[in-house]
Amino acid sequence: MKYIRLIYIIYILLKYRLEEFIIFNRKLNLLARFISIIFFFRPYNKNRGTRLRLALENLGPIFVKFGQLLSTRRDLIPLDIADELALLQDQVPPFPYKDAEKIITGSYGKSLDKIFKSFDTKPIASASVAQVHFATLQDGKDVAVKILRPNIKHVIDKDIKLLYLIARLLELIWSDGRRLRPREVVAEFYKHVQSELNLMLDAANCSRLGENFKDKKLLIVPEVYWDFCNEDVMVMERMHGTPISHVETLRKKKINIKELARNGVEIFFTQVFRDSFFHADMHPGNIQVADDGRYIAMDFGIMGSLNENDKNYLARNFLAFFKRDYHDVALAHIESGWVPKDTSIDEFENAIRSVCEPIFNKPLKEISFGRLLIRLFQTSRRFNMEIQPQLTMLQKTLLNVEGLGRNLDPDLDLWKTAAPFLKKYMSEQKGIKHIIKSLKNEFPHWLHLTPKLPRLIHEFLEKSNSQNKNVMTKDDFENFLKSQKNQTRWFKIIITFIGITLLVNLVILFYFIK
């Protein structure tokens, strides 16, 4: 089946004359010309952007998502292609209303009119995995109803298997295949796609993000109506806003576009460094703007998370970049194990400097992050840097953020906007508040462990004594006495340490934490 799918992909590429995109080198360019001559009979009545969009739609949701990402990178692809791919964000051809009704009645076990007071038969948005209809509940609340596409799970499973096949081939035929760990990247991507295929997880993501931004100062998240949610259907509060890509409409509504761009950067870094939980599908089709200038988050199928080590590593690197401290950047890569321990720090530092120095003190419109990524890739290959699959969603989101920022305000300085926020985060990580928070988190563990300490120490001493029950010589006896003295000394140290630690925790718990 995988090979049949691969043949189908090749067929679609040829059908829509996409060989014209093969211009990487002379040999491939000659191959493209040869294909065009052989298949001369194909119709040529559509422009290249339309043909690419139609091909991606025919290939399914995985390829549609690839097109969505490309549409935000107007610095990397021609504008005519970017404009056409932007239609993939919320204008994927919808599935019939009869299928939507069948899914809803099957999920609830009752007719549609028993659940909703009214239901719009025409979807308001149609994406690669699901589509959304507006409706009204029996109590009069206006809602948005998200419905999974029919048979979508089976389609995605087939494409993921094909991606695994391609990843294995890359590892075999490409010199950088093993270092880039393509199978692990596919596994990470599949993990996130799986959450899109279960709308209960989508609803949980929405609820968690809403809790993180419950003050609603910069970001509004719709309320989830849990009584109407299941794996195939999700019902949430209907939001009223303007798509963020409609910049002229936002200007007419007197929205401060420059401030909107800055707020977008702040929201992203807040999600990553404060909450360790971020929206990982931030293309324009998933973001709207309220009339008062606040962001409205939409579609919560793909979310990312980072552990403390990843966050600290990223913050350290960002701040080092801001300070142009490339030595610390190189050191952080080596200490994290991303490059071999025997890497020359001086050589690695100079390589990073050559990549990053040209981008500073320039607005986004003068920076090509596409070229920067290519040069970073070349640097990583030179120093055998391993790709980190757990950060692939973050990397994708950074590309989305940059694309949104460029569309809103080409003069936005992404680095200068983010620097104060990151400095605050790092100071909090090293300050007294962080220490108190850590001790507060560890206190229940110590409280649980304390009653067990006498038994654990007794078991340790019994085990140590049992090893010395054999017949001993004079020298053995003297060594035994020394070991007993050492054990006694260490026992006193351990007890003293435990006592001091518990005392400190108690003081903090009862006097500083309120």
Protein backbone atom coordinates (compact mmCIF):
# COMPACT_ATOMS: atom_id res chain seq x y z
CA MET A 1 0.00 0.00 0.00
CA LYS A 2 2.87 2.40 0.79
CA TYR A 3 4.35 1.92 -2.66
CA ILE A 4 0.96 2.40 -4.31
CA ARG A 5 0.64 5.68 -2.42
CA LEU A 6 4.13 6.70 -3.57
CA ILE A 7 3.17 5.99 -7.18
CA TYR A 8 0.01 8.07 -6.68
CA ILE A 9 2.09 11.00 -5.38
CA ILE A 10 4.31 10.85 -8.46
CA TYR A 11 1.18 10.73 -10.63
CA ILE A 12 -0.26 13.87 -8.96
CA LEU A 13 3.03 15.73 -9.37
CA LEU A 14 3.08 14.89 -13.07
CA LYS A 15 -0.64 15.61 -13.53
CA TYR A 16 -0.24 19.18 -12.29
CA ARG A 17 3.05 19.75 -14.16
CA LEU A 18 4.99 20.34 -10.94
CA GLU A 19 8.25 19.16 -12.47
CA GLU A 20 8.87 22.83 -13.28
CA PHE A 21 9.77 23.33 -9.60
CA ILE A 22 12.77 20.98 -10.02
CA ILE A 23 15.45 23.61 -10.61
CA PHE A 24 18.01 22.73 -7.97
CA ASN A 25 20.79 21.86 -10.42
CA ARG A 26 21.44 21.39 -14.10
CA LYS A 27 20.85 17.64 -14.18
CA LEU A 28 17.46 17.92 -12.49
CA ASN A 29 16.54 20.84 -14.71
CA LEU A 30 17.25 18.70 -17.76
CA LEU A 31 15.12 15.93 -16.23
CA ALA A 32 12.21 18.39 -15.79
CA ARG A 33 12.46 19.45 -19.43
CA PHE A 34 12.52 15.80 -20.52
CA ILE A 35 9.35 15.05 -18.50
CA SER A 36 7.59 18.08 -19.99
CA ILE A 37 8.35 16.87 -23.50
CA ILE A 38 7.11 13.32 -22.84
CA PHE A 39 3.86 14.45 -21.16
CA PHE A 40 3.21 17.34 -23.55
CA PHE A 41 -0.50 16.48 -23.79
CA ARG A 42 -1.33 17.65 -20.25
CA PRO A 43 -3.57 20.76 -19.95
CA TYR A 44 -1.77 23.99 -19.13
CA ASN A 45 -4.67 26.33 -18.36
CA LYS A 46 -3.81 27.17 -14.71
CA ASN A 47 -0.95 29.16 -13.16
CA ARG A 48 1.76 27.42 -11.14
CA GLY A 49 0.41 28.53 -7.72
CA THR A 50 -3.03 27.12 -8.44
CA ARG A 51 -1.58 23.86 -9.74
CA LEU A 52 0.58 23.48 -6.62
CA ARG A 53 -2.40 24.16 -4.33
CA LEU A 54 -4.61 21.67 -6.16
CA ALA A 55 -1.87 19.04 -6.00
CA LEU A 56 -1.47 19.46 -2.24
CA GLU A 57 -5.25 19.26 -1.76
CA ASN A 58 -5.34 16.03 -3.78
CA LEU A 59 -2.49 14.52 -1.76
CA GLY A 60 -4.30 15.00 1.57
CA PRO A 61 -3.99 16.64 4.99
CA ILE A 62 -0.28 16.05 5.61
CA PHE A 63 0.60 17.84 2.38
CA VAL A 64 -1.98 20.56 3.01
CA LYS A 65 -0.20 21.36 6.28
CA PHE A 66 3.06 21.65 4.38
CA GLY A 67 1.39 24.17 2.08
CA GLN A 68 0.05 26.10 5.07
CA LEU A 69 3.57 26.49 6.41
CA LEU A 70 4.93 27.62 3.05
CA SER A 71 2.20 30.26 2.70
CA THR A 72 3.61 32.22 5.66
CA ARG A 73 7.13 32.38 4.15
CA ARG A 74 6.81 35.15 1.58
CA ASP A 75 10.54 35.76 1.83
CA LEU A 76 11.23 32.22 0.56
CA ILE A 77 8.63 31.71 -2.17
CA PRO A 78 7.18 33.97 -4.91
CA LEU A 79 4.16 36.08 -3.93
CA ASP A 80 1.84 34.47 -6.51
CA ILE A 81 2.46 31.04 -4.95
CA ALA A 82 2.18 32.36 -1.38
CA ASP A 83 -1.18 34.01 -2.15
CA GLU A 84 -2.53 30.80 -3.64
CA LEU A 85 -1.27 28.58 -0.80
CA ALA A 86 -2.86 30.96 1.72
CA LEU A 87 -6.21 29.53 0.55
CA LEU A 88 -5.23 26.24 2.21
CA GLN A 89 -5.44 27.88 5.65
CA ASP A 90 -9.21 27.92 5.88
CA GLN A 91 -10.56 27.27 2.36
CA VAL A 92 -9.89 23.58 1.85
CA PRO A 93 -12.89 22.11 -0.04
CA PRO A 94 -15.51 21.11 2.60
CA PHE A 95 -17.09 17.71 2.88
CA PRO A 96 -20.88 17.48 2.32
CA TYR A 97 -23.35 18.57 5.00
CA LYS A 98 -24.96 15.11 4.94
CA ASP A 99 -21.66 13.62 6.13
CA ALA A 100 -21.44 16.23 8.89
CA GLU A 101 -25.00 15.47 10.04
CA LYS A 102 -24.29 11.73 9.99
CA ILE A 103 -21.19 12.16 12.17
CA ILE A 104 -23.05 14.35 14.69
CA THR A 105 -26.10 12.09 15.02
CA GLY A 106 -23.82 9.06 15.29
CA SER A 107 -21.79 10.72 18.05
CA TYR A 108 -24.75 11.91 20.15
CA GLY A 109 -27.21 9.13 19.40
CA LYS A 110 -29.98 11.62 18.67
CA SER A 111 -31.12 13.82 15.81
CA LEU A 112 -29.44 17.15 15.14
CA ASP A 113 -32.50 19.25 16.00
CA LYS A 114 -32.60 17.68 19.48
CA ILE A 115 -29.10 19.04 20.20
CA PHE A 116 -29.05 22.41 18.44
CA LYS A 117 -31.70 25.08 18.16
CA SER A 118 -30.21 26.04 14.79
CA PHE A 119 -27.33 24.73 12.70
CA ASP A 120 -25.73 26.38 9.64
CA THR A 121 -25.48 23.82 6.85
CA LYS A 122 -22.66 25.76 5.17
CA PRO A 123 -19.32 25.51 7.03
CA ILE A 124 -17.66 28.76 8.09
CA ALA A 125 -14.19 27.22 7.75
CA SER A 126 -12.85 24.04 6.23
CA ALA A 127 -9.37 22.75 7.02
CA SER A 128 -7.33 19.65 6.28
CA VAL A 129 -8.53 17.57 9.25
CA ALA A 130 -11.89 19.09 10.24
CA GLN A 131 -14.41 21.75 9.36
CA VAL A 132 -16.41 24.20 11.47
CA HIS A 133 -20.12 25.10 11.42
CA PHE A 134 -21.85 27.83 13.40
CA ALA A 135 -24.82 26.76 15.50
CA THR A 136 -26.99 27.74 18.45
CA LEU A 137 -27.60 25.52 21.48
CA GLN A 138 -31.06 24.93 22.87
CA ASP A 139 -30.35 27.48 25.64
CA GLY A 140 -29.56 30.16 23.05
CA LYS A 141 -25.74 30.17 23.28
CA ASP A 142 -23.97 30.80 19.97
CA VAL A 143 -21.34 28.13 19.36
CA ALA A 144 -18.84 26.85 16.81
CA VAL A 145 -19.04 23.12 16.07
CA LYS A 146 -15.87 21.41 14.87
CA ILE A 147 -16.32 18.08 13.06
CA LEU A 148 -13.65 15.62 11.96
CA ARG A 149 -13.51 14.74 8.28
CA PRO A 150 -14.94 11.30 7.41
CA ASN A 151 -12.31 8.53 7.31
CA ILE A 152 -9.54 11.05 8.04
CA LYS A 153 -7.76 8.79 10.54
CA HIS A 154 -7.24 6.10 7.92
CA VAL A 155 -5.94 8.63 5.37
CA ILE A 156 -3.42 10.13 7.79
CA ASP A 157 -2.21 6.70 8.92
CA LYS A 158 -1.36 5.85 5.29
CA ASP A 159 0.54 9.11 4.80
CA ILE A 160 2.48 8.68 8.03
CA LYS A 161 3.57 5.19 6.92
CA LEU A 162 4.74 6.73 3.66
CA LEU A 163 6.69 9.39 5.54
CA TYR A 164 8.40 6.66 7.58
CA LEU A 165 9.34 4.95 4.32
CA ILE A 166 10.80 8.17 2.92
CA ALA A 167 12.66 8.76 6.21
CA ARG A 168 14.24 5.29 6.03
CA LEU A 169 15.30 5.93 2.44
CA LEU A 170 16.87 9.23 3.46
CA GLU A 171 18.88 7.48 6.17
CA LEU A 172 20.16 4.99 3.58
CA ILE A 173 20.96 7.24 0.62
CA TRP A 174 21.72 10.64 2.20
CA SER A 175 24.98 11.32 4.00
CA ASP A 176 23.20 13.50 6.58
CA GLY A 177 20.26 11.14 6.98
CA ARG A 178 21.26 9.52 10.28
CA ARG A 179 22.41 12.77 11.88
CA LEU A 180 19.10 14.51 11.11
CA ARG A 181 17.15 11.57 12.60
CA PRO A 182 14.23 11.80 10.12
CA ARG A 183 12.33 8.84 11.60
CA GLU A 184 12.32 10.49 15.02
CA VAL A 185 11.11 13.73 13.44
CA VAL A 186 8.26 11.86 11.74
CA ALA A 187 7.41 10.19 15.06
CA GLU A 188 7.29 13.57 16.80
CA PHE A 189 5.08 15.01 14.04
CA TYR A 190 2.77 11.97 14.19
CA LYS A 191 2.40 12.40 17.96
CA HIS A 192 1.09 15.91 17.46
CA VAL A 193 -1.12 14.98 14.52
CA GLN A 194 -2.71 12.27 16.66
CA SER A 195 -4.08 14.94 19.01
CA GLU A 196 -5.82 16.55 16.03
CA LEU A 197 -7.63 13.30 15.37
CA ASN A 198 -9.22 13.25 18.84
CA LEU A 199 -11.32 16.35 19.45
CA MET A 200 -11.49 15.62 23.18
CA LEU A 201 -7.74 16.30 23.26
CA ASP A 202 -8.33 19.39 21.13
CA ALA A 203 -10.88 20.58 23.70
CA ALA A 204 -8.47 19.85 26.57
CA ASN A 205 -5.76 21.89 24.84
CA CYS A 206 -8.20 24.76 24.38
CA SER A 207 -9.21 24.64 28.05
CA ARG A 208 -5.58 24.56 29.26
CA LEU A 209 -4.53 27.49 27.05
CA GLY A 210 -7.57 29.43 28.25
CA GLU A 211 -6.58 28.82 31.87
CA ASN A 212 -3.04 30.04 31.16
CA PHE A 213 -4.44 33.28 29.67
CA LYS A 214 -7.46 33.69 31.93
CA ASP A 215 -6.74 37.42 32.39
CA LYS A 216 -7.52 37.83 28.64
CA LYS A 217 -5.34 40.95 28.40
CA LEU A 218 -3.62 39.93 25.17
CA LEU A 219 -5.23 36.65 24.14
CA ILE A 220 -8.83 35.42 24.14
CA VAL A 221 -9.50 31.67 24.14
CA PRO A 222 -13.05 30.33 23.55
CA GLU A 223 -14.88 28.47 26.29
CA VAL A 224 -15.36 24.73 25.78
CA TYR A 225 -18.82 23.22 26.27
CA TRP A 226 -17.77 19.82 27.55
CA ASP A 227 -21.25 18.27 27.62
CA PHE A 228 -21.29 18.42 23.82
CA CYS A 229 -17.75 17.22 23.10
CA ASN A 230 -16.52 13.78 22.03
CA GLU A 231 -13.72 12.36 19.86
CA ASP A 232 -15.40 13.38 16.59
CA VAL A 233 -17.22 16.59 17.55
CA MET A 234 -16.12 19.62 19.61
CA VAL A 235 -18.42 22.47 20.63
CA MET A 236 -16.97 25.77 21.84
CA GLU A 237 -17.91 29.40 22.27
CA ARG A 238 -18.42 31.30 19.02
CA MET A 239 -15.85 34.07 18.63
CA HIS A 240 -16.23 37.30 16.68
CA GLY A 241 -13.08 38.66 15.09
CA THR A 242 -11.18 39.59 11.94
CA PRO A 243 -8.68 37.16 10.39
CA ILE A 244 -5.19 38.43 11.15
CA SER A 245 -4.25 38.22 7.47
CA HIS A 246 -6.85 40.95 6.64
CA VAL A 247 -4.50 43.80 7.51
CA GLU A 248 -6.41 46.52 5.65
CA THR A 249 -9.65 45.61 7.45
CA LEU A 250 -7.80 45.80 10.78
CA ARG A 251 -6.49 49.25 9.88
CA LYS A 252 -10.03 50.41 9.04
CA LYS A 253 -11.07 49.23 12.52
CA LYS A 254 -8.28 51.46 13.91
CA ILE A 255 -6.24 48.55 15.27
CA ASN A 256 -2.64 49.51 16.07
CA ILE A 257 -0.84 47.15 13.68
CA LYS A 258 2.66 47.69 15.09
CA GLU A 259 1.43 47.03 18.63
CA LEU A 260 -0.43 43.96 17.36
CA ALA A 261 2.82 42.59 15.93
CA ARG A 262 4.69 43.19 19.20
CA ASN A 263 1.90 41.57 21.22
CA GLY A 264 2.08 38.50 19.01
CA VAL A 265 5.76 38.04 19.87
CA GLU A 266 5.03 38.52 23.58
CA ILE A 267 2.19 35.96 23.50
CA PHE A 268 4.45 33.41 21.85
CA PHE A 269 7.33 33.80 24.30
CA THR A 270 4.89 33.80 27.22
CA GLN A 271 3.50 30.46 26.08
CA VAL A 272 6.97 28.95 25.65
CA PHE A 273 8.87 30.26 28.69
CA ARG A 274 6.17 30.92 31.26
CA ASP A 275 3.75 28.07 30.55
CA SER A 276 5.88 25.48 28.67
CA PHE A 277 2.78 24.98 26.51
CA PHE A 278 2.38 26.73 23.17
CA HIS A 279 0.12 26.82 20.13
CA ALA A 280 2.14 24.97 17.48
CA ASP A 281 -0.05 25.69 14.44
CA MET A 282 -0.03 29.48 14.31
CA HIS A 283 -0.77 30.06 10.64
CA PRO A 284 -3.06 33.03 9.81
CA GLY A 285 -6.12 30.80 9.39
CA ASN A 286 -5.99 29.94 13.10
CA ILE A 287 -5.71 33.49 14.47
CA GLN A 288 -8.26 36.30 14.58
CA VAL A 289 -8.23 39.78 16.10
CA ALA A 290 -11.02 41.19 18.27
CA ASP A 291 -12.24 44.74 17.62
CA ASP A 292 -10.31 45.93 20.69
CA GLY A 293 -7.00 44.59 19.32
CA ARG A 294 -6.70 41.39 21.36
CA TYR A 295 -5.72 38.14 19.70
CA ILE A 296 -8.26 35.30 19.41
CA ALA A 297 -6.83 31.77 19.31
CA MET A 298 -8.48 29.19 17.09
CA ASP A 299 -7.90 25.46 16.46
CA PHE A 300 -6.02 23.71 19.26
CA GLY A 301 -5.22 20.38 17.64
CA ILE A 302 -1.44 20.83 17.57
CA MET A 303 0.17 22.13 20.76
CA GLY A 304 3.79 21.90 21.83
CA SER A 305 5.51 21.64 25.21
CA LEU A 306 9.07 21.94 26.51
CA ASN A 307 10.76 20.61 29.62
CA GLU A 308 12.81 22.80 31.97
CA ASN A 309 16.13 21.80 30.39
CA ASP A 310 14.94 22.74 26.90
CA LYS A 311 13.54 26.05 28.13
CA ASN A 312 16.71 27.01 29.98
CA TYR A 313 18.83 26.00 26.99
CA LEU A 314 16.72 28.09 24.59
CA ALA A 315 16.60 31.12 26.86
CA ARG A 316 20.36 30.96 27.41
CA ASN A 317 20.96 30.79 23.67
CA PHE A 318 18.53 33.59 22.83
CA LEU A 319 20.08 35.92 25.40
CA ALA A 320 23.58 35.02 24.25
CA PHE A 321 22.51 35.85 20.69
CA PHE A 322 21.12 39.20 21.82
CA LYS A 323 24.43 39.99 23.55
CA ARG A 324 26.40 38.59 20.58
CA ASP A 325 28.11 36.28 23.04
CA TYR A 326 28.79 33.53 20.54
CA HIS A 327 31.20 31.82 22.92
CA ASP A 328 28.34 31.14 25.32
CA VAL A 329 26.17 29.93 22.42
CA ALA A 330 28.86 27.45 21.40
CA LEU A 331 29.39 26.39 25.02
CA ALA A 332 25.65 25.81 25.53
CA HIS A 333 25.51 23.55 22.47
CA ILE A 334 28.45 21.48 23.70
CA GLU A 335 27.21 21.24 27.31
CA SER A 336 23.76 20.14 26.12
CA GLY A 337 25.30 17.36 24.04
CA TRP A 338 23.93 18.70 20.75
CA VAL A 339 27.46 18.69 19.32
CA PRO A 340 30.29 16.30 20.28
CA LYS A 341 32.19 17.07 23.49
CA ASP A 342 35.51 17.24 21.62
CA THR A 343 34.27 20.09 19.38
CA SER A 344 36.63 23.07 19.27
CA ILE A 345 34.78 25.91 21.03
CA ASP A 346 36.77 28.58 19.18
CA GLU A 347 36.00 27.11 15.75
CA PHE A 348 32.34 26.58 16.59
CA GLU A 349 32.08 30.12 18.00
CA ASN A 350 33.52 31.63 14.82
CA ALA A 351 31.17 29.56 12.67
CA ILE A 352 28.11 30.74 14.63
CA ARG A 353 29.35 34.34 14.46
CA SER A 354 29.60 34.14 10.67
CA VAL A 355 25.97 32.98 10.49
CA CYS A 356 24.32 35.29 13.04
CA GLU A 357 26.27 38.54 12.98
CA PRO A 358 24.85 39.76 9.65
CA ILE A 359 21.23 39.71 10.89
CA PHE A 360 21.55 42.05 13.88
CA ASN A 361 20.27 45.62 13.94
CA LYS A 362 18.11 45.01 10.89
CA PRO A 363 14.31 45.00 10.57
CA LEU A 364 12.59 41.83 9.40
CA LYS A 365 12.16 43.14 5.85
CA GLU A 366 15.94 43.21 5.44
CA ILE A 367 16.58 39.76 6.93
CA SER A 368 16.26 36.53 5.01
CA PHE A 369 15.70 33.87 7.65
CA GLY A 370 15.53 31.33 4.83
CA ARG A 371 19.18 31.99 3.99
CA LEU A 372 20.02 32.07 7.69
CA LEU A 373 18.48 28.60 8.18
CA ILE A 374 20.43 27.25 5.21
CA ARG A 375 23.70 28.57 6.64
CA LEU A 376 22.88 27.20 10.09
CA PHE A 377 22.20 23.82 8.49
CA GLN A 378 25.59 23.93 6.79
CA THR A 379 27.21 24.81 10.11
CA SER A 380 25.42 21.99 11.93
CA ARG A 381 26.55 19.51 9.29
CA ARG A 382 30.16 20.65 9.64
CA PHE A 383 30.16 20.13 13.41
CA ASN A 384 27.97 16.98 13.41
CA MET A 385 25.15 18.72 15.30
CA GLU A 386 22.17 16.44 15.92
CA ILE A 387 18.64 17.62 15.17
CA GLN A 388 16.42 17.58 18.27
CA PRO A 389 13.02 16.07 17.32
CA GLN A 390 11.32 17.42 20.47
CA LEU A 391 11.95 20.95 19.19
CA THR A 392 10.58 20.50 15.67
CA MET A 393 7.17 21.93 16.61
CA LEU A 394 8.85 24.94 18.20
CA GLN A 395 10.96 25.51 15.09
CA LYS A 396 7.84 25.33 12.92
CA THR A 397 6.03 27.79 15.19
CA LEU A 398 8.96 30.22 15.07
CA LEU A 399 8.61 30.23 11.28
CA ASN A 400 4.88 30.96 11.66
CA VAL A 401 5.55 33.79 14.12
CA GLU A 402 8.09 35.34 11.80
CA GLY A 403 5.69 35.09 8.86
CA LEU A 404 2.90 36.76 10.84
CA GLY A 405 5.23 39.49 12.09
CA ARG A 406 6.49 40.20 8.58
CA ASN A 407 2.94 40.47 7.26
CA LEU A 408 1.85 42.88 10.02
CA ASP A 409 4.96 45.02 10.43
CA PRO A 410 7.98 44.51 8.15
CA ASP A 411 9.99 46.84 10.42
CA LEU A 412 9.43 44.70 13.51
CA ASP A 413 12.69 43.79 15.25
CA LEU A 414 11.90 40.30 16.51
CA TRP A 415 15.04 40.04 18.65
CA LYS A 416 14.70 43.45 20.32
CA THR A 417 11.02 42.79 21.09
CA ALA A 418 11.75 39.44 22.74
CA ALA A 419 14.93 40.37 24.68
CA PRO A 420 13.30 42.07 27.73
CA PHE A 421 10.92 39.16 28.21
CA LEU A 422 13.72 36.60 28.09
CA LYS A 423 15.89 38.60 30.50
CA LYS A 424 13.00 38.65 32.97
CA TYR A 425 12.56 34.89 32.61
CA MET A 426 16.25 34.17 33.24
CA SER A 427 16.35 36.48 36.27
CA GLU A 428 13.34 34.67 37.73
CA GLN A 429 15.09 31.33 37.18
CA LYS A 430 18.05 32.47 39.28
CA GLY A 431 16.24 34.61 41.85
CA ILE A 432 14.98 33.88 45.38
CA LYS A 433 11.42 33.41 44.12
CA HIS A 434 12.52 30.48 41.96
CA ILE A 435 14.41 28.93 44.89
CA ILE A 436 11.38 29.27 47.18
CA LYS A 437 9.12 27.82 44.48
CA SER A 438 11.46 24.84 44.02
CA LEU A 439 11.62 24.18 47.76
CA LYS A 440 7.86 24.46 48.00
CA ASN A 441 7.47 21.88 45.21
CA GLU A 442 9.98 19.52 46.83
CA PHE A 443 8.57 19.83 50.37
CA PRO A 444 5.76 17.22 49.89
CA HIS A 445 8.36 14.75 48.63
CA TRP A 446 10.58 15.29 51.67
CA LEU A 447 7.53 15.05 53.93
CA HIS A 448 6.65 11.71 52.32
CA LEU A 449 10.24 10.43 52.54
CA THR A 450 11.02 11.43 56.15
CA PRO A 451 9.09 8.61 57.96
CA LYS A 452 10.91 6.04 55.79
CA LEU A 453 14.44 7.30 56.56
CA PRO A 454 15.09 5.17 59.70
CA ARG A 455 14.11 1.98 57.84
CA LEU A 456 16.17 2.91 54.75
CA ILE A 457 19.24 3.69 56.88
CA HIS A 458 18.78 0.44 58.87
CA GLU A 459 18.57 -1.58 55.63
CA PHE A 460 21.72 0.10 54.35
CA LEU A 461 23.66 -0.73 57.56
CA GLU A 462 22.36 -4.32 57.63
CA LYS A 463 23.45 -4.83 54.06
CA SER A 464 26.86 -3.39 54.84
CA ASN A 465 27.29 -5.61 57.95
CA SER A 466 26.20 -8.75 56.08
CA GLN A 467 29.09 -8.26 53.71
CA ASN A 468 31.50 -8.49 56.66
CA LYS A 469 30.19 -11.65 58.40
CA ASN A 470 32.85 -13.88 56.89
CA VAL A 471 35.91 -14.85 58.96
CA MET A 472 38.15 -11.80 59.19
CA THR A 473 41.90 -11.45 59.54
CA LYS A 474 43.47 -8.77 61.67
CA ASP A 475 43.74 -6.49 58.67
CA ASP A 476 40.14 -7.22 57.73
CA PHE A 477 39.04 -6.36 61.26
CA GLU A 478 40.89 -3.03 61.20
CA ASN A 479 39.37 -2.20 57.83
CA PHE A 480 35.96 -3.15 59.22
CA LEU A 481 36.41 -0.74 62.16
CA LYS A 482 37.42 2.02 59.77
CA SER A 483 34.38 1.38 57.58
CA GLN A 484 32.12 1.45 60.63
CA LYS A 485 33.59 4.78 61.68
CA ASN A 486 33.06 6.12 58.16
CA GLN A 487 29.48 4.87 58.16
CA THR A 488 28.87 6.51 61.52
CA ARG A 489 30.33 9.78 60.29
CA TRP A 490 28.27 9.69 57.08
CA PHE A 491 25.20 8.75 59.09
CA LYS A 492 25.66 11.89 61.23
CA ILE A 493 26.19 14.03 58.12
CA ILE A 494 23.05 12.64 56.46
CA ILE A 495 20.91 13.17 59.54
CA THR A 496 22.27 16.71 59.99
CA PHE A 497 21.62 17.51 56.32
CA ILE A 498 18.10 16.14 56.49
CA GLY A 499 17.40 18.08 59.65
CA ILE A 500 18.65 21.35 58.17
CA THR A 501 16.74 20.79 54.92
CA LEU A 502 13.48 20.05 56.72
CA LEU A 503 13.98 23.07 58.97
CA VAL A 504 14.55 25.37 55.99
CA ASN A 505 11.50 23.96 54.21
CA LEU A 506 9.35 24.44 57.30
CA VAL A 507 10.50 28.03 57.74
CA ILE A 508 9.78 28.84 54.11
CA LEU A 509 6.46 27.03 54.16
CA PHE A 510 5.10 28.72 57.29
CA TYR A 511 6.69 32.16 57.15
CA PHE A 512 7.38 33.11 53.52
CA ILE A 513 4.71 31.34 51.48
CA LYS A 514 1.24 32.71 51.77
